[in-house]
Amino acid sequence: MQKRHDDLLTSRLEEVYDNGVAFVSWSELYRWYDTQKIAAGTKRDLSQRWDDISEGEFGSLVSVENKAGMFLTAEERVKSVYET
């Protein structure tokens, strides 16, 4: 990964830490990781980077995926819209 891409990814993960959510497009991930497929290794790296940044404060990194990319957030920040 190029240094500038590493910095952008770190910035997105810090956005999750600071604001609770960040969006990463698939095209960004492909470019940043210089890959043709987002596989387990890429997601493992995201998770490890999150653990380094958050130091476990908000739980694991989770995502909501769609055609354009994924919204990243922390496990402990996810709540049901309505509970009965």
PDB file of N, CA and C in Angstrom:
ATOM      1  N   MET A   1       0.842  -1.177   0.000  1.00  0.00           N
ATOM      2  CA  MET A   1       0.000   0.000   0.000  1.00  0.00           C
ATOM      3  C   MET A   1       0.886   1.238   0.000  1.00  0.00           C
ATOM      4  N   GLN A   2       0.556   2.185  -0.857  1.00  0.00           N
ATOM      5  CA  GLN A   2       1.310   3.430  -0.922  1.00  0.00           C
ATOM      6  C   GLN A   2       1.055   4.257   0.341  1.00  0.00           C
ATOM      7  N   LYS A   3       2.040   5.053   0.712  1.00  0.00           N
ATOM      8  CA  LYS A   3       1.957   5.866   1.935  1.00  0.00           C
ATOM      9  C   LYS A   3       0.716   6.763   1.932  1.00  0.00           C
ATOM     10  N   ARG A   4       0.419   7.392   0.801  1.00  0.00           N
ATOM     11  CA  ARG A   4      -0.744   8.298   0.757  1.00  0.00           C
ATOM     12  C   ARG A   4      -2.041   7.523   0.938  1.00  0.00           C
ATOM     13  N   HIS A   5      -2.102   6.294   0.428  1.00  0.00           N
ATOM     14  CA  HIS A   5      -3.298   5.471   0.627  1.00  0.00           C
ATOM     15  C   HIS A   5      -3.400   5.009   2.075  1.00  0.00           C
ATOM     16  N   ASP A   6      -2.263   4.682   2.652  1.00  0.00           N
ATOM     17  CA  ASP A   6      -2.226   4.306   4.066  1.00  0.00           C
ATOM     18  C   ASP A   6      -2.759   5.448   4.932  1.00  0.00           C
ATOM     19  N   ASP A   7      -2.349   6.669   4.608  1.00  0.00           N
ATOM     20  CA  ASP A   7      -2.810   7.843   5.355  1.00  0.00           C
ATOM     21  C   ASP A   7      -4.311   8.060   5.186  1.00  0.00           C
ATOM     22  N   LEU A   8      -4.830   7.867   3.967  1.00  0.00           N
ATOM     23  CA  LEU A   8      -6.263   8.025   3.728  1.00  0.00           C
ATOM     24  C   LEU A   8      -7.076   6.985   4.511  1.00  0.00           C
ATOM     25  N   LEU A   9      -6.606   5.759   4.495  1.00  0.00           N
ATOM     26  CA  LEU A   9      -7.298   4.705   5.234  1.00  0.00           C
ATOM     27  C   LEU A   9      -7.277   4.987   6.731  1.00  0.00           C
ATOM     28  N   THR A  10      -6.146   5.387   7.238  1.00  0.00           N
ATOM     29  CA  THR A  10      -6.050   5.742   8.663  1.00  0.00           C
ATOM     30  C   THR A  10      -7.015   6.870   8.991  1.00  0.00           C
ATOM     31  N   SER A  11      -7.106   7.849   8.108  1.00  0.00           N
ATOM     32  CA  SER A  11      -8.030   8.968   8.314  1.00  0.00           C
ATOM     33  C   SER A  11      -9.480   8.491   8.397  1.00  0.00           C
ATOM     34  N   ARG A  12      -9.868   7.551   7.522  1.00  0.00           N
ATOM     35  CA  ARG A  12     -11.240   7.017   7.558  1.00  0.00           C
ATOM     36  C   ARG A  12     -11.508   6.271   8.856  1.00  0.00           C
ATOM     37  N   LEU A  13     -10.541   5.498   9.292  1.00  0.00           N
ATOM     38  CA  LEU A  13     -10.734   4.766  10.544  1.00  0.00           C
ATOM     39  C   LEU A  13     -10.777   5.710  11.741  1.00  0.00           C
ATOM     40  N   GLU A  14     -10.011   6.775  11.690  1.00  0.00           N
ATOM     41  CA  GLU A  14     -10.094   7.789  12.750  1.00  0.00           C
ATOM     42  C   GLU A  14     -11.433   8.508  12.702  1.00  0.00           C
ATOM     43  N   GLU A  15     -12.013   8.648  11.522  1.00  0.00           N
ATOM     44  CA  GLU A  15     -13.352   9.223  11.388  1.00  0.00           C
ATOM     45  C   GLU A  15     -14.384   8.333  12.089  1.00  0.00           C
ATOM     46  N   VAL A  16     -14.238   7.034  11.951  1.00  0.00           N
ATOM     47  CA  VAL A  16     -15.109   6.108  12.681  1.00  0.00           C
ATOM     48  C   VAL A  16     -14.930   6.319  14.177  1.00  0.00           C
ATOM     49  N   TYR A  17     -13.707   6.411  14.617  1.00  0.00           N
ATOM     50  CA  TYR A  17     -13.416   6.612  16.037  1.00  0.00           C
ATOM     51  C   TYR A  17     -14.011   7.924  16.546  1.00  0.00           C
ATOM     52  N   ASP A  18     -13.820   9.006  15.788  1.00  0.00           N
ATOM     53  CA  ASP A  18     -14.260  10.330  16.227  1.00  0.00           C
ATOM     54  C   ASP A  18     -15.753  10.577  16.031  1.00  0.00           C
ATOM     55  N   ASN A  19     -16.297  10.138  14.880  1.00  0.00           N
ATOM     56  CA  ASN A  19     -17.674  10.495  14.512  1.00  0.00           C
ATOM     57  C   ASN A  19     -18.638   9.318  14.503  1.00  0.00           C
ATOM     58  N   GLY A  20     -18.125   8.118  14.636  1.00  0.00           N
ATOM     59  CA  GLY A  20     -18.998   6.956  14.709  1.00  0.00           C
ATOM     60  C   GLY A  20     -19.208   6.213  13.410  1.00  0.00           C
ATOM     61  N   VAL A  21     -18.938   6.842  12.269  1.00  0.00           N
ATOM     62  CA  VAL A  21     -19.163   6.177  10.983  1.00  0.00           C
ATOM     63  C   VAL A  21     -18.311   6.836   9.902  1.00  0.00           C
ATOM     64  N   ALA A  22     -17.932   6.019   8.911  1.00  0.00           N
ATOM     65  CA  ALA A  22     -17.225   6.527   7.728  1.00  0.00           C
ATOM     66  C   ALA A  22     -17.584   5.627   6.555  1.00  0.00           C
ATOM     67  N   PHE A  23     -17.569   6.194   5.365  1.00  0.00           N
ATOM     68  CA  PHE A  23     -17.862   5.429   4.154  1.00  0.00           C
ATOM     69  C   PHE A  23     -16.578   5.219   3.373  1.00  0.00           C
ATOM     70  N   VAL A  24     -16.389   3.995   2.885  1.00  0.00           N
ATOM     71  CA  VAL A  24     -15.263   3.662   2.020  1.00  0.00           C
ATOM     72  C   VAL A  24     -15.837   2.988   0.782  1.00  0.00           C
ATOM     73  N   SER A  25     -15.537   3.534  -0.379  1.00  0.00           N
ATOM     74  CA  SER A  25     -16.053   2.935  -1.619  1.00  0.00           C
ATOM     75  C   SER A  25     -15.208   1.718  -1.999  1.00  0.00           C
ATOM     76  N   TRP A  26     -15.830   0.816  -2.771  1.00  0.00           N
ATOM     77  CA  TRP A  26     -15.101  -0.356  -3.243  1.00  0.00           C
ATOM     78  C   TRP A  26     -13.918   0.066  -4.101  1.00  0.00           C
ATOM     79  N   SER A  27     -14.126   1.072  -4.943  1.00  0.00           N
ATOM     80  CA  SER A  27     -13.034   1.494  -5.827  1.00  0.00           C
ATOM     81  C   SER A  27     -11.840   2.016  -5.022  1.00  0.00           C
ATOM     82  N   GLU A  28     -12.103   2.696  -3.908  1.00  0.00           N
ATOM     83  CA  GLU A  28     -11.005   3.135  -3.047  1.00  0.00           C
ATOM     84  C   GLU A  28     -10.247   1.942  -2.485  1.00  0.00           C
ATOM     85  N   LEU A  29     -10.978   0.970  -1.972  1.00  0.00           N
ATOM     86  CA  LEU A  29     -10.326  -0.208  -1.396  1.00  0.00           C
ATOM     87  C   LEU A  29      -9.485  -0.943  -2.423  1.00  0.00           C
ATOM     88  N   TYR A  30     -10.024  -1.120  -3.639  1.00  0.00           N
ATOM     89  CA  TYR A  30      -9.255  -1.785  -4.689  1.00  0.00           C
ATOM     90  C   TYR A  30      -7.974  -1.016  -4.988  1.00  0.00           C
ATOM     91  N   ARG A  31      -8.085   0.296  -5.070  1.00  0.00           N
ATOM     92  CA  ARG A  31      -6.917   1.130  -5.375  1.00  0.00           C
ATOM     93  C   ARG A  31      -5.932   1.122  -4.208  1.00  0.00           C
ATOM     94  N   TRP A  32      -6.430   1.319  -2.988  1.00  0.00           N
ATOM     95  CA  TRP A  32      -5.554   1.387  -1.823  1.00  0.00           C
ATOM     96  C   TRP A  32      -4.785   0.088  -1.613  1.00  0.00           C
ATOM     97  N   TYR A  33      -5.473  -1.033  -1.760  1.00  0.00           N
ATOM     98  CA  TYR A  33      -4.825  -2.326  -1.534  1.00  0.00           C
ATOM     99  C   TYR A  33      -4.222  -2.908  -2.806  1.00  0.00           C
ATOM    100  N   ASP A  34      -4.361  -2.214  -3.920  1.00  0.00           N
ATOM    101  CA  ASP A  34      -3.830  -2.645  -5.207  1.00  0.00           C
ATOM    102  C   ASP A  34      -4.195  -4.107  -5.479  1.00  0.00           C
ATOM    103  N   THR A  35      -5.516  -4.350  -5.460  1.00  0.00           N
ATOM    104  CA  THR A  35      -6.012  -5.707  -5.624  1.00  0.00           C
ATOM    105  C   THR A  35      -7.200  -5.734  -6.573  1.00  0.00           C
ATOM    106  N   GLN A  36      -7.540  -6.911  -7.044  1.00  0.00           N
ATOM    107  CA  GLN A  36      -8.696  -7.101  -7.921  1.00  0.00           C
ATOM    108  C   GLN A  36      -9.878  -7.674  -7.148  1.00  0.00           C
ATOM    109  N   LYS A  37      -9.614  -8.121  -5.906  1.00  0.00           N
ATOM    110  CA  LYS A  37     -10.661  -8.743  -5.101  1.00  0.00           C
ATOM    111  C   LYS A  37     -10.486  -8.358  -3.643  1.00  0.00           C
ATOM    112  N   ILE A  38     -11.572  -7.963  -3.019  1.00  0.00           N
ATOM    113  CA  ILE A  38     -11.552  -7.674  -1.588  1.00  0.00           C
ATOM    114  C   ILE A  38     -11.799  -9.000  -0.882  1.00  0.00           C
ATOM    115  N   ALA A  39     -10.740  -9.569  -0.335  1.00  0.00           N
ATOM    116  CA  ALA A  39     -10.813 -10.883   0.282  1.00  0.00           C
ATOM    117  C   ALA A  39     -10.603 -10.772   1.798  1.00  0.00           C
ATOM    118  N   ALA A  40     -10.527 -11.917   2.428  1.00  0.00           N
ATOM    119  CA  ALA A  40     -10.386 -11.980   3.884  1.00  0.00           C
ATOM    120  C   ALA A  40      -9.160 -11.220   4.381  1.00  0.00           C
ATOM    121  N   GLY A  41      -8.062 -11.259   3.638  1.00  0.00           N
ATOM    122  CA  GLY A  41      -6.848 -10.563   4.062  1.00  0.00           C
ATOM    123  C   GLY A  41      -7.036  -9.057   4.158  1.00  0.00           C
ATOM    124  N   THR A  42      -7.768  -8.506   3.223  1.00  0.00           N
ATOM    125  CA  THR A  42      -8.050  -7.068   3.242  1.00  0.00           C
ATOM    126  C   THR A  42      -8.901  -6.713   4.449  1.00  0.00           C
ATOM    127  N   LYS A  43      -9.939  -7.480   4.681  1.00  0.00           N
ATOM    128  CA  LYS A  43     -10.820  -7.202   5.824  1.00  0.00           C
ATOM    129  C   LYS A  43     -10.103  -7.439   7.147  1.00  0.00           C
ATOM    130  N   ARG A  44      -9.221  -8.420   7.190  1.00  0.00           N
ATOM    131  CA  ARG A  44      -8.429  -8.667   8.397  1.00  0.00           C
ATOM    132  C   ARG A  44      -7.523  -7.468   8.677  1.00  0.00           C
ATOM    133  N   ASP A  45      -6.911  -6.911   7.620  1.00  0.00           N
ATOM    134  CA  ASP A  45      -6.061  -5.738   7.782  1.00  0.00           C
ATOM    135  C   ASP A  45      -6.866  -4.547   8.303  1.00  0.00           C
ATOM    136  N   LEU A  46      -8.051  -4.333   7.753  1.00  0.00           N
ATOM    137  CA  LEU A  46      -8.916  -3.253   8.252  1.00  0.00           C
ATOM    138  C   LEU A  46      -9.208  -3.438   9.738  1.00  0.00           C
ATOM    139  N   SER A  47      -9.519  -4.647  10.117  1.00  0.00           N
ATOM    140  CA  SER A  47      -9.834  -4.950  11.507  1.00  0.00           C
ATOM    141  C   SER A  47      -8.630  -4.707  12.420  1.00  0.00           C
ATOM    142  N   GLN A  48      -7.458  -5.136  11.987  1.00  0.00           N
ATOM    143  CA  GLN A  48      -6.250  -4.934  12.792  1.00  0.00           C
ATOM    144  C   GLN A  48      -5.909  -3.456  12.927  1.00  0.00           C
ATOM    145  N   ARG A  49      -6.068  -2.719  11.839  1.00  0.00           N
ATOM    146  CA  ARG A  49      -5.820  -1.275  11.899  1.00  0.00           C
ATOM    147  C   ARG A  49      -6.799  -0.612  12.867  1.00  0.00           C
ATOM    148  N   TRP A  50      -8.065  -1.045  12.821  1.00  0.00           N
ATOM    149  CA  TRP A  50      -9.070  -0.503  13.722  1.00  0.00           C
ATOM    150  C   TRP A  50      -8.685  -0.807  15.173  1.00  0.00           C
ATOM    151  N   ASP A  51      -8.274  -2.016  15.443  1.00  0.00           N
ATOM    152  CA  ASP A  51      -7.884  -2.389  16.801  1.00  0.00           C
ATOM    153  C   ASP A  51      -6.731  -1.526  17.299  1.00  0.00           C
ATOM    154  N   ASP A  52      -5.779  -1.203  16.416  1.00  0.00           N
ATOM    155  CA  ASP A  52      -4.655  -0.339  16.791  1.00  0.00           C
ATOM    156  C   ASP A  52      -5.125   1.073  17.113  1.00  0.00           C
ATOM    157  N   ILE A  53      -6.051   1.585  16.313  1.00  0.00           N
ATOM    158  CA  ILE A  53      -6.538   2.955  16.510  1.00  0.00           C
ATOM    159  C   ILE A  53      -7.440   3.054  17.741  1.00  0.00           C
ATOM    160  N   SER A  54      -8.381   2.129  17.858  1.00  0.00           N
ATOM    161  CA  SER A  54      -9.394   2.229  18.913  1.00  0.00           C
ATOM    162  C   SER A  54      -8.953   1.625  20.237  1.00  0.00           C
ATOM    163  N   GLU A  55      -7.928   0.799  20.209  1.00  0.00           N
ATOM    164  CA  GLU A  55      -7.454   0.103  21.406  1.00  0.00           C
ATOM    165  C   GLU A  55      -8.590  -0.619  22.119  1.00  0.00           C
ATOM    166  N   GLY A  56      -9.540  -1.142  21.337  1.00  0.00           N
ATOM    167  CA  GLY A  56     -10.652  -1.914  21.885  1.00  0.00           C
ATOM    168  C   GLY A  56     -11.747  -1.115  22.552  1.00  0.00           C
ATOM    169  N   GLU A  57     -11.690   0.199  22.459  1.00  0.00           N
ATOM    170  CA  GLU A  57     -12.629   1.058  23.189  1.00  0.00           C
ATOM    171  C   GLU A  57     -14.087   0.885  22.759  1.00  0.00           C
ATOM    172  N   PHE A  58     -14.345   0.654  21.481  1.00  0.00           N
ATOM    173  CA  PHE A  58     -15.721   0.579  20.991  1.00  0.00           C
ATOM    174  C   PHE A  58     -16.079  -0.781  20.415  1.00  0.00           C
ATOM    175  N   GLY A  59     -15.277  -1.796  20.675  1.00  0.00           N
ATOM    176  CA  GLY A  59     -15.534  -3.114  20.114  1.00  0.00           C
ATOM    177  C   GLY A  59     -14.957  -3.245  18.725  1.00  0.00           C
ATOM    178  N   SER A  60     -15.329  -4.319  18.053  1.00  0.00           N
ATOM    179  CA  SER A  60     -14.764  -4.599  16.728  1.00  0.00           C
ATOM    180  C   SER A  60     -15.336  -3.680  15.653  1.00  0.00           C
ATOM    181  N   LEU A  61     -14.643  -3.618  14.534  1.00  0.00           N
ATOM    182  CA  LEU A  61     -15.084  -2.847  13.377  1.00  0.00           C
ATOM    183  C   LEU A  61     -16.141  -3.649  12.637  1.00  0.00           C
ATOM    184  N   VAL A  62     -17.281  -3.035  12.353  1.00  0.00           N
ATOM    185  CA  VAL A  62     -18.357  -3.692  11.605  1.00  0.00           C
ATOM    186  C   VAL A  62     -18.713  -2.829  10.402  1.00  0.00           C
ATOM    187  N   SER A  63     -19.402  -3.459   9.428  1.00  0.00           N
ATOM    188  CA  SER A  63     -19.731  -2.717   8.213  1.00  0.00           C
ATOM    189  C   SER A  63     -21.147  -3.008   7.754  1.00  0.00           C
ATOM    190  N   VAL A  64     -21.678  -2.047   7.028  1.00  0.00           N
ATOM    191  CA  VAL A  64     -22.923  -2.211   6.277  1.00  0.00           C
ATOM    192  C   VAL A  64     -22.520  -2.004   4.830  1.00  0.00           C
ATOM    193  N   GLU A  65     -22.694  -3.048   4.016  1.00  0.00           N
ATOM    194  CA  GLU A  65     -22.214  -3.010   2.642  1.00  0.00           C
ATOM    195  C   GLU A  65     -23.349  -2.796   1.655  1.00  0.00           C
ATOM    196  N   ASN A  66     -23.025  -2.073   0.583  1.00  0.00           N
ATOM    197  CA  ASN A  66     -23.952  -1.901  -0.533  1.00  0.00           C
ATOM    198  C   ASN A  66     -23.153  -1.955  -1.832  1.00  0.00           C
ATOM    199  N   LYS A  67     -23.786  -1.670  -2.948  1.00  0.00           N
ATOM    200  CA  LYS A  67     -23.097  -1.757  -4.242  1.00  0.00           C
ATOM    201  C   LYS A  67     -21.920  -0.802  -4.361  1.00  0.00           C
ATOM    202  N   ALA A  68     -21.997   0.338  -3.701  1.00  0.00           N
ATOM    203  CA  ALA A  68     -20.971   1.367  -3.845  1.00  0.00           C
ATOM    204  C   ALA A  68     -19.777   1.186  -2.912  1.00  0.00           C
ATOM    205  N   GLY A  69     -19.983   0.495  -1.800  1.00  0.00           N
ATOM    206  CA  GLY A  69     -18.906   0.349  -0.822  1.00  0.00           C
ATOM    207  C   GLY A  69     -19.449  -0.087   0.510  1.00  0.00           C
ATOM    208  N   MET A  70     -18.825   0.404   1.573  1.00  0.00           N
ATOM    209  CA  MET A  70     -19.301   0.028   2.897  1.00  0.00           C
ATOM    210  C   MET A  70     -19.180   1.176   3.885  1.00  0.00           C
ATOM    211  N   PHE A  71     -20.164   1.213   4.754  1.00  0.00           N
ATOM    212  CA  PHE A  71     -20.146   2.116   5.883  1.00  0.00           C
ATOM    213  C   PHE A  71     -19.484   1.369   7.021  1.00  0.00           C
ATOM    214  N   LEU A  72     -18.490   1.978   7.620  1.00  0.00           N
ATOM    215  CA  LEU A  72     -17.784   1.366   8.731  1.00  0.00           C
ATOM    216  C   LEU A  72     -18.224   2.019  10.025  1.00  0.00           C
ATOM    217  N   THR A  73     -18.379   1.224  11.049  1.00  0.00           N
ATOM    218  CA  THR A  73     -18.703   1.734  12.372  1.00  0.00           C
ATOM    219  C   THR A  73     -18.162   0.759  13.401  1.00  0.00           C
ATOM    220  N   ALA A  74     -18.278   1.119  14.658  1.00  0.00           N
ATOM    221  CA  ALA A  74     -17.825   0.258  15.742  1.00  0.00           C
ATOM    222  C   ALA A  74     -18.994  -0.552  16.268  1.00  0.00           C
ATOM    223  N   GLU A  75     -18.719  -1.783  16.626  1.00  0.00           N
ATOM    224  CA  GLU A  75     -19.736  -2.714  17.094  1.00  0.00           C
ATOM    225  C   GLU A  75     -20.581  -2.132  18.233  1.00  0.00           C
ATOM    226  N   GLU A  76     -19.967  -1.476  19.174  1.00  0.00           N
ATOM    227  CA  GLU A  76     -20.689  -0.954  20.333  1.00  0.00           C
ATOM    228  C   GLU A  76     -21.545   0.267  20.006  1.00  0.00           C
ATOM    229  N   ARG A  77     -21.387   0.823  18.826  1.00  0.00           N
ATOM    230  CA  ARG A  77     -22.181   1.993  18.443  1.00  0.00           C
ATOM    231  C   ARG A  77     -23.421   1.626  17.640  1.00  0.00           C
ATOM    232  N   VAL A  78     -23.601   0.346  17.331  1.00  0.00           N
ATOM    233  CA  VAL A  78     -24.752  -0.111  16.555  1.00  0.00           C
ATOM    234  C   VAL A  78     -25.898  -0.407  17.515  1.00  0.00           C
ATOM    235  N   LYS A  79     -27.037   0.226  17.233  1.00  0.00           N
ATOM    236  CA  LYS A  79     -28.224   0.040  18.068  1.00  0.00           C
ATOM    237  C   LYS A  79     -29.433  -0.186  17.186  1.00  0.00           C
ATOM    238  N   SER A  80     -30.392  -0.892  17.712  1.00  0.00           N
ATOM    239  CA  SER A  80     -31.638  -1.112  17.011  1.00  0.00           C
ATOM    240  C   SER A  80     -32.409   0.212  16.909  1.00  0.00           C
ATOM    241  N   VAL A  81     -33.070   0.423  15.796  1.00  0.00           N
ATOM    242  CA  VAL A  81     -33.861   1.638  15.627  1.00  0.00           C
ATOM    243  C   VAL A  81     -35.012   1.672  16.638  1.00  0.00           C
ATOM    244  N   TYR A  82     -35.598   0.497  16.864  1.00  0.00           N
ATOM    245  CA  TYR A  82     -36.737   0.414  17.768  1.00  0.00           C
ATOM    246  C   TYR A  82     -36.712  -0.933  18.474  1.00  0.00           C
ATOM    247  N   GLU A  83     -36.804  -0.901  19.762  1.00  0.00           N
ATOM    248  CA  GLU A  83     -36.850  -2.143  20.531  1.00  0.00           C
ATOM    249  C   GLU A  83     -38.198  -2.279  21.216  1.00  0.00           C
ATOM    250  N   THR A  84     -38.770  -3.477  21.130  1.00  0.00           N
ATOM    251  CA  THR A  84     -40.090  -3.703  21.745  1.00  0.00           C
ATOM    252  C   THR A  84     -39.961  -4.156  23.166  1.00  0.00           C
TER     253      THR A  84
END
